[in-house]
């Protein structure tokens, strides 16, 4: 239970007092903060509308002349709401948060390159090393740069496919699933996305450096 800093009512932890509408400094999970059902598939339009609605209701400017405890509750509630919105609107962040809610962590199984990406990782690293070692403005450097640009497109396509797979995993979670199986699947997808992000970042840096050379 939590006590409203404005009207004093004791109630279940919420973002806003059910009686007087004042913000509450409650500790809430991301779904509860936004009043959303605890499901992985989310209507992003509805999520955004809910976020803006709640933001207006608890914004610190509305409580600038209130007593200190109400102002503090407004600041804390706003921070909780913003963090929750940013987490749920991004599918990858949402998936990682879902693991956390279920007592799991991606880091435990994220120390090795996912087997399905091992060959791709090796090829990209080999191309980037060759691009780095090739004399600037040489034919070899230009050819390698062209190959890396093509590889960048392949990586993005693989990333898009992984994100689509992530959304399919979310749908399965919401259909009363085999949680053990889907946890392993979710970890594998998120691990692949993490490695793909790293590869894309490295490729972009290498291409940017080659332009500056």
Protein backbone atom coordinates (compact mmCIF):
# COMPACT_ATOMS: atom_id res chain seq x y z
CA UNK A 1 0.00 0.00 0.00
CA UNK A 2 1.04 3.60 -0.61
CA UNK A 3 -0.22 6.85 0.86
CA UNK A 4 -1.15 9.75 -1.40
CA UNK A 5 1.04 12.75 -0.51
CA UNK A 6 -1.87 15.06 -1.26
CA UNK A 7 -5.10 13.58 0.17
CA UNK A 8 -3.56 10.92 2.43
CA UNK A 9 -5.55 8.00 1.05
CA UNK A 10 -3.82 4.63 1.35
CA UNK A 11 -4.18 2.52 -1.77
CA UNK A 12 -2.56 -0.01 -4.04
CA UNK A 13 0.56 1.35 -5.81
CA UNK A 14 -0.50 3.38 -8.85
CA UNK A 15 0.91 6.25 -10.87
CA UNK A 16 -1.98 8.57 -9.93
CA UNK A 17 -4.18 8.74 -6.82
CA UNK A 18 -7.60 7.25 -7.53
CA UNK A 19 -9.27 9.87 -5.31
CA UNK A 20 -7.63 13.25 -5.93
CA UNK A 21 -5.63 12.68 -9.12
CA UNK A 22 -2.30 13.65 -7.59
CA UNK A 23 0.86 11.79 -8.64
CA UNK A 24 2.10 8.97 -6.44
CA UNK A 25 5.75 8.08 -5.88
CA UNK A 26 5.02 4.37 -6.32
CA UNK A 27 7.43 1.70 -7.48
CA UNK A 28 5.78 0.19 -10.57
CA UNK A 29 6.73 -2.11 -13.39
CA UNK A 30 6.65 -0.62 -16.88
CA UNK A 31 3.29 -2.11 -17.79
CA UNK A 32 1.60 -1.00 -14.57
CA UNK A 33 3.03 2.52 -14.89
CA UNK A 34 1.27 2.95 -18.22
CA UNK A 35 -1.83 1.00 -17.25
CA UNK A 36 -1.13 -1.55 -19.98
CA UNK A 37 -1.82 -5.29 -19.77
CA UNK A 38 1.33 -7.34 -19.18
CA UNK A 39 1.62 -8.57 -22.76
CA UNK A 40 4.50 -8.40 -25.21
CA UNK A 41 2.39 -7.46 -28.23
CA UNK A 42 1.58 -3.76 -27.90
CA UNK A 43 -0.44 -1.29 -29.95
CA UNK A 44 2.23 1.42 -30.25
CA UNK A 45 -0.34 4.07 -31.12
CA UNK A 46 -2.33 3.32 -27.98
CA UNK A 47 0.90 3.25 -25.96
CA UNK A 48 1.90 6.70 -27.18
CA UNK A 49 -1.54 8.17 -26.54
CA UNK A 50 -1.57 6.74 -23.02
CA UNK A 51 1.91 8.11 -22.33
CA UNK A 52 0.99 11.64 -23.39
CA UNK A 53 -2.28 11.51 -21.46
CA UNK A 54 -0.54 10.47 -18.23
CA UNK A 55 2.33 12.89 -18.82
CA UNK A 56 -0.08 15.81 -18.86
CA UNK A 57 -1.75 14.59 -15.66
CA UNK A 58 1.45 14.27 -13.60
CA UNK A 59 3.72 16.88 -15.18
CA UNK A 60 5.75 18.78 -12.55
CA UNK A 61 4.55 22.14 -13.91
CA UNK A 62 1.04 21.29 -12.69
CA UNK A 63 2.31 20.89 -9.15
CA UNK A 64 4.89 23.67 -8.99
CA UNK A 65 2.97 25.42 -6.20
CA UNK A 66 2.14 22.24 -4.26
CA UNK A 67 3.82 21.12 -1.05
CA UNK A 68 7.27 19.53 -1.36
CA UNK A 69 6.11 15.93 -1.01
CA UNK A 70 3.64 16.34 -3.89
CA UNK A 71 6.28 18.01 -6.09
CA UNK A 72 8.65 15.15 -5.32
CA UNK A 73 5.97 12.58 -6.16
CA UNK A 74 5.38 14.36 -9.48
CA UNK A 75 9.06 14.20 -10.38
CA UNK A 76 9.37 10.55 -9.44
CA UNK A 77 6.16 9.56 -11.21
CA UNK A 78 7.25 11.40 -14.35
CA UNK A 79 10.63 9.63 -14.31
CA UNK A 80 8.89 6.25 -13.90
CA UNK A 81 6.47 6.99 -16.72
CA UNK A 82 9.18 8.16 -19.13
CA UNK A 83 11.43 5.17 -18.40
CA UNK A 84 8.49 2.79 -18.84
CA UNK A 85 7.43 4.33 -22.14
CA UNK A 86 10.94 4.20 -23.58
CA UNK A 87 11.26 0.56 -22.55
CA UNK A 88 7.95 -0.63 -23.96
CA UNK A 89 7.98 1.29 -27.24
CA UNK A 90 11.20 -0.39 -28.40
CA UNK A 91 10.73 -4.12 -29.13
CA UNK A 92 14.31 -5.05 -28.20
CA UNK A 93 14.19 -3.13 -24.90
CA UNK A 94 10.78 -4.67 -24.25
CA UNK A 95 12.11 -8.17 -24.82
CA UNK A 96 15.06 -7.59 -22.51
CA UNK A 97 12.72 -6.18 -19.87
CA UNK A 98 10.44 -9.21 -20.23
CA UNK A 99 13.38 -11.47 -19.45
CA UNK A 100 14.10 -9.35 -16.38
CA UNK A 101 10.48 -9.62 -15.20
CA UNK A 102 10.78 -13.38 -15.49
CA UNK A 103 14.03 -13.56 -13.53
CA UNK A 104 16.23 -14.05 -16.60
CA UNK A 105 19.19 -12.14 -18.05
CA UNK A 106 20.50 -12.14 -21.58
CA UNK A 107 24.08 -11.70 -20.38
CA UNK A 108 24.14 -15.22 -18.98
CA UNK A 109 23.95 -16.69 -22.50
CA UNK A 110 25.43 -13.83 -24.49
CA UNK A 111 29.17 -14.45 -24.25
CA UNK A 112 29.57 -16.43 -27.46
CA UNK A 113 28.68 -15.55 -31.02
CA UNK A 114 25.32 -17.14 -31.93
CA UNK A 115 26.11 -20.23 -34.06
CA UNK A 116 23.87 -19.09 -36.93
CA UNK A 117 25.88 -15.84 -37.14
CA UNK A 118 29.37 -17.26 -36.69
CA UNK A 119 30.22 -17.45 -40.40
CA UNK A 120 28.80 -13.98 -41.06
CA UNK A 121 30.73 -12.47 -38.14
CA UNK A 122 33.97 -14.03 -39.40
CA UNK A 123 33.43 -12.78 -42.96
CA UNK A 124 32.59 -9.25 -41.85
CA UNK A 125 35.59 -9.04 -39.54
CA UNK A 126 37.86 -10.35 -42.29
CA UNK A 127 36.56 -7.76 -44.76
CA UNK A 128 36.93 -4.93 -42.25
CA UNK A 129 40.50 -5.98 -41.44
CA UNK A 130 41.37 -6.04 -45.14
CA UNK A 131 39.76 -2.65 -45.63
CA UNK A 132 41.76 -1.24 -42.73
CA UNK A 133 45.07 -2.61 -44.05
CA UNK A 134 44.60 -1.64 -47.70
CA UNK A 135 46.43 1.53 -48.86
CA UNK A 136 44.05 4.50 -49.00
CA UNK A 137 42.62 5.29 -52.49
CA UNK A 138 44.06 2.07 -53.92
CA UNK A 139 42.02 -0.18 -56.20
CA UNK A 140 42.03 -2.82 -53.45
CA UNK A 141 40.66 -0.34 -50.93
CA UNK A 142 37.88 0.77 -53.30
CA UNK A 143 36.94 -2.82 -54.08
CA UNK A 144 36.85 -3.77 -50.40
CA UNK A 145 34.77 -0.69 -49.60
CA UNK A 146 32.24 -1.74 -52.25
CA UNK A 147 32.12 -5.23 -50.75
CA UNK A 148 31.56 -3.80 -47.26
CA UNK A 149 28.73 -1.59 -48.55
CA UNK A 150 27.07 -4.68 -49.99
CA UNK A 151 27.67 -6.50 -46.71
CA UNK A 152 26.00 -3.61 -44.87
CA UNK A 153 22.81 -4.23 -46.85
CA UNK A 154 22.97 -7.93 -46.03
CA UNK A 155 23.39 -7.19 -42.34
CA UNK A 156 20.40 -4.85 -42.36
CA UNK A 157 18.26 -7.47 -44.07
CA UNK A 158 19.31 -10.02 -41.46
CA UNK A 159 18.51 -7.52 -38.71
CA UNK A 160 15.05 -6.89 -40.19
CA UNK A 161 14.42 -10.64 -40.30
CA UNK A 162 15.51 -10.99 -36.67
CA UNK A 163 13.18 -8.20 -35.59
CA UNK A 164 10.30 -9.89 -37.41
CA UNK A 165 11.19 -13.12 -35.61
CA UNK A 166 11.15 -11.20 -32.32
CA UNK A 167 7.61 -9.98 -32.99
CA UNK A 168 6.50 -13.56 -33.73
CA UNK A 169 8.03 -14.63 -30.43
CA UNK A 170 6.01 -11.92 -28.66
CA UNK A 171 2.78 -13.25 -30.17
CA UNK A 172 3.57 -16.74 -28.89
CA UNK A 173 4.18 -15.40 -25.37
CA UNK A 174 0.72 -13.87 -25.34
CA UNK A 175 -0.92 -17.20 -26.23
CA UNK A 176 -0.25 -18.98 -22.92
CA UNK A 177 3.00 -20.55 -24.12
CA UNK A 178 5.63 -23.02 -23.09
CA UNK A 179 7.57 -20.43 -21.13
CA UNK A 180 10.79 -22.42 -20.92
CA UNK A 181 10.97 -22.94 -24.67
CA UNK A 182 10.05 -19.37 -25.51
CA UNK A 183 12.53 -17.96 -22.99
CA UNK A 184 15.33 -19.81 -24.78
CA UNK A 185 14.01 -18.62 -28.13
CA UNK A 186 13.72 -15.03 -26.93
CA UNK A 187 17.28 -15.07 -25.58
CA UNK A 188 18.60 -16.44 -28.88
CA UNK A 189 16.82 -13.76 -30.92
CA UNK A 190 17.94 -10.92 -28.66
CA UNK A 191 21.50 -12.26 -28.68
CA UNK A 192 21.50 -12.29 -32.49
CA UNK A 193 20.16 -8.74 -32.60
CA UNK A 194 22.86 -7.59 -30.17
CA UNK A 195 25.62 -9.06 -32.34
CA UNK A 196 24.07 -7.68 -35.53
CA UNK A 197 23.94 -4.22 -33.98
CA UNK A 198 27.64 -4.48 -33.16
CA UNK A 199 28.50 -5.62 -36.67
CA UNK A 200 26.46 -2.85 -38.28
CA UNK A 201 28.08 -0.29 -35.98
CA UNK A 202 31.57 -1.56 -36.90
CA UNK A 203 30.76 -1.52 -40.61
CA UNK A 204 29.37 2.02 -40.43
CA UNK A 205 32.47 3.22 -38.59
CA UNK A 206 34.77 1.59 -41.12
CA UNK A 207 32.90 3.14 -44.04
CA UNK A 208 32.92 6.56 -42.36
CA UNK A 209 36.66 6.30 -41.72
CA UNK A 210 37.31 5.30 -45.32
CA UNK A 211 35.50 8.44 -46.52
CA UNK A 212 37.54 10.61 -44.18
CA UNK A 213 40.87 9.07 -45.20
